[in-house]
Amino acid sequence: MDAIVQPSGHRIALLLGGAVLAVWTGFMALALNHAALPPESDGMVLAVFPPGTSEEASFAALVRAGAEPVRQTWLSFAWVARGEGEGFVGRLHREGALAAYGSIPVAAPVLGGCAVVTDERRAAANYRLTP
C-alpha cells in the first residue's frame, strides 16, 4: 500500500503564518483606507506618496499642493505637512499622494507596545528651553 504523506510541521507553520499575514494585510489595507482624510480636509496631515518616491519628488509635490512641510518621517515618501484652505488633501492627491491621514500629536509620545499616549499638559514643559 502507498504510504499516506503527512505534511511536515514546518510546512503547516509556514502555511499558517502565510494565512495570518494575508489576513492581517487585508485588515490593514481596509483600516488605512477608512482612516484616510477626505479631499476637502486641511490642517496638519501625514501625506503618503507611493513607495519609492524620492525625498525631492515628494517635497516638490507638497510645495506644489500649497503645503508647508513640517518634517519628514523615517520613510522618504511620507511627510508631516500643514496646509490651509478647503481641498488641501485633494490637492495632495492631484500631486501624486496616495493618501493623507490626520497627524497624531507630536508633543511627547510615549510608546508602549502598540499604543501611543500623549500628555498635552506636559507638552510645553518638554520643549521649554532654560537659560
Protein backbone atom coordinates (compact mmCIF):
# COMPACT_ATOMS: atom_id res chain seq x y z
CA MET A 1 0.00 0.00 0.00
CA ASP A 2 1.04 3.54 -0.61
CA ALA A 3 2.10 5.44 2.46
CA ILE A 4 0.00 8.44 3.37
CA VAL A 5 2.11 11.57 3.16
CA GLN A 6 1.75 13.69 6.26
CA PRO A 7 2.60 17.39 5.96
CA SER A 8 5.64 18.29 7.99
CA GLY A 9 5.35 20.58 10.99
CA HIS A 10 7.37 23.26 9.22
CA ARG A 11 5.05 23.28 6.22
CA ILE A 12 1.98 23.67 8.44
CA ALA A 13 3.66 26.50 10.36
CA LEU A 14 4.58 28.28 7.12
CA LEU A 15 1.05 27.88 5.74
CA LEU A 16 -0.47 29.15 8.98
CA GLY A 17 1.99 32.08 9.11
CA GLY A 18 1.20 32.96 5.49
CA ALA A 19 -2.53 32.86 6.17
CA VAL A 20 -2.16 35.12 9.23
CA LEU A 21 -0.02 37.55 7.21
CA ALA A 22 -2.57 37.64 4.38
CA VAL A 23 -5.48 38.31 6.75
CA TRP A 24 -3.50 40.99 8.63
CA THR A 25 -2.52 42.70 5.35
CA GLY A 26 -6.16 42.75 4.23
CA PHE A 27 -7.36 44.26 7.53
CA MET A 28 -4.57 46.87 7.50
CA ALA A 29 -5.43 47.88 3.93
CA LEU A 30 -9.09 48.25 4.91
CA ALA A 31 -8.23 50.22 8.07
CA LEU A 32 -5.86 52.57 6.21
CA ASN A 33 -8.45 53.14 3.51
CA HIS A 34 -11.06 54.13 6.11
CA ALA A 35 -8.58 56.30 8.04
CA ALA A 36 -7.65 58.45 5.03
CA LEU A 37 -8.89 62.03 5.17
CA PRO A 38 -11.47 63.23 2.64
CA PRO A 39 -10.29 65.54 -0.21
CA GLU A 40 -11.84 68.65 1.35
CA SER A 41 -9.78 68.38 4.55
CA ASP A 42 -6.98 70.72 5.58
CA GLY A 43 -4.67 71.26 8.55
CA MET A 44 -1.81 69.09 9.81
CA VAL A 45 -1.63 65.79 7.91
CA LEU A 46 0.62 62.84 7.26
CA ALA A 47 0.98 62.79 3.46
CA VAL A 48 1.97 59.42 1.99
CA PHE A 49 3.33 59.13 -1.55
CA PRO A 50 3.93 55.90 -3.48
CA PRO A 51 6.80 53.83 -2.04
CA GLY A 52 10.00 54.56 -3.89
CA THR A 53 9.18 58.24 -4.38
CA SER A 54 12.33 60.23 -3.72
CA GLU A 55 12.63 62.85 -0.99
CA GLU A 56 12.98 65.58 -3.58
CA ALA A 57 9.93 64.48 -5.59
CA SER A 58 7.65 64.18 -2.55
CA PHE A 59 8.88 67.53 -1.16
CA ALA A 60 8.25 69.23 -4.52
CA ALA A 61 4.75 67.70 -4.69
CA LEU A 62 3.98 69.06 -1.21
CA VAL A 63 5.08 72.56 -2.20
CA ARG A 64 3.06 72.42 -5.45
CA ALA A 65 -0.01 71.43 -3.41
CA GLY A 66 0.44 74.51 -1.22
CA ALA A 67 1.67 72.62 1.83
CA GLU A 68 4.10 73.76 4.45
CA PRO A 69 6.37 70.73 5.03
CA VAL A 70 6.84 70.28 8.77
CA ARG A 71 9.10 67.22 8.90
CA GLN A 72 9.92 64.07 7.05
CA THR A 73 9.26 60.67 8.60
CA TRP A 74 11.73 57.80 8.57
CA LEU A 75 10.10 56.80 5.26
CA SER A 76 11.37 59.08 2.47
CA PHE A 77 7.92 59.08 0.84
CA ALA A 78 5.90 60.17 3.92
CA TRP A 79 5.84 63.72 5.28
CA VAL A 80 4.05 65.61 8.02
CA ALA A 81 2.78 68.79 6.42
CA ARG A 82 0.37 71.64 7.10
CA GLY A 83 -1.99 73.10 4.57
CA GLU A 84 -4.76 75.61 4.88
CA GLY A 85 -7.86 76.03 2.78
CA GLU A 86 -10.60 73.64 1.86
CA GLY A 87 -9.45 70.99 -0.58
CA PHE A 88 -5.87 70.72 0.66
CA VAL A 89 -5.94 66.91 0.76
CA GLY A 90 -7.47 66.87 -2.72
CA ARG A 91 -4.57 68.98 -3.98
CA LEU A 92 -2.15 66.48 -2.42
CA HIS A 93 -3.89 63.67 -4.30
CA ARG A 94 -3.61 65.60 -7.58
CA GLU A 95 0.12 65.99 -6.95
CA GLY A 96 0.56 62.24 -6.52
CA ALA A 97 -0.08 61.47 -2.84
CA LEU A 98 -1.67 58.09 -2.21
CA ALA A 99 -3.42 59.28 0.95
CA ALA A 100 -3.32 61.80 3.75
CA TYR A 101 -4.00 60.93 7.37
CA GLY A 102 -4.67 63.03 10.44
CA SER A 103 -1.39 63.57 12.25
CA ILE A 104 -1.11 62.35 15.84
CA PRO A 105 0.05 64.96 18.35
CA VAL A 106 3.83 65.12 18.31
CA ALA A 107 4.18 66.75 21.72
CA ALA A 108 5.54 63.91 23.80
CA PRO A 109 4.52 60.47 22.59
CA VAL A 110 5.19 57.61 24.91
CA LEU A 111 5.34 54.28 23.12
CA GLY A 112 4.35 51.10 24.86
CA GLY A 113 3.81 48.10 22.66
CA CYS A 114 1.15 49.02 20.13
CA ALA A 115 -0.16 52.10 21.95
CA VAL A 116 0.73 55.76 21.63
CA VAL A 117 -0.17 58.02 24.54
CA THR A 118 0.36 61.75 24.65
CA ASP A 119 0.09 64.05 27.60
CA GLU A 120 -0.70 67.52 26.27
CA ARG A 121 -0.41 69.00 29.77
CA ARG A 122 3.30 68.14 29.84
CA ALA A 123 3.96 69.12 26.21
CA ALA A 124 5.04 72.68 26.98
CA ALA A 125 7.40 71.55 29.72
CA ASN A 126 9.07 69.04 27.40
CA TYR A 127 10.10 71.77 24.96
CA ARG A 128 10.83 74.62 27.37
CA LEU A 129 14.33 75.97 26.98
CA THR A 130 16.05 77.05 30.17
CA PRO A 131 18.88 79.59 30.23
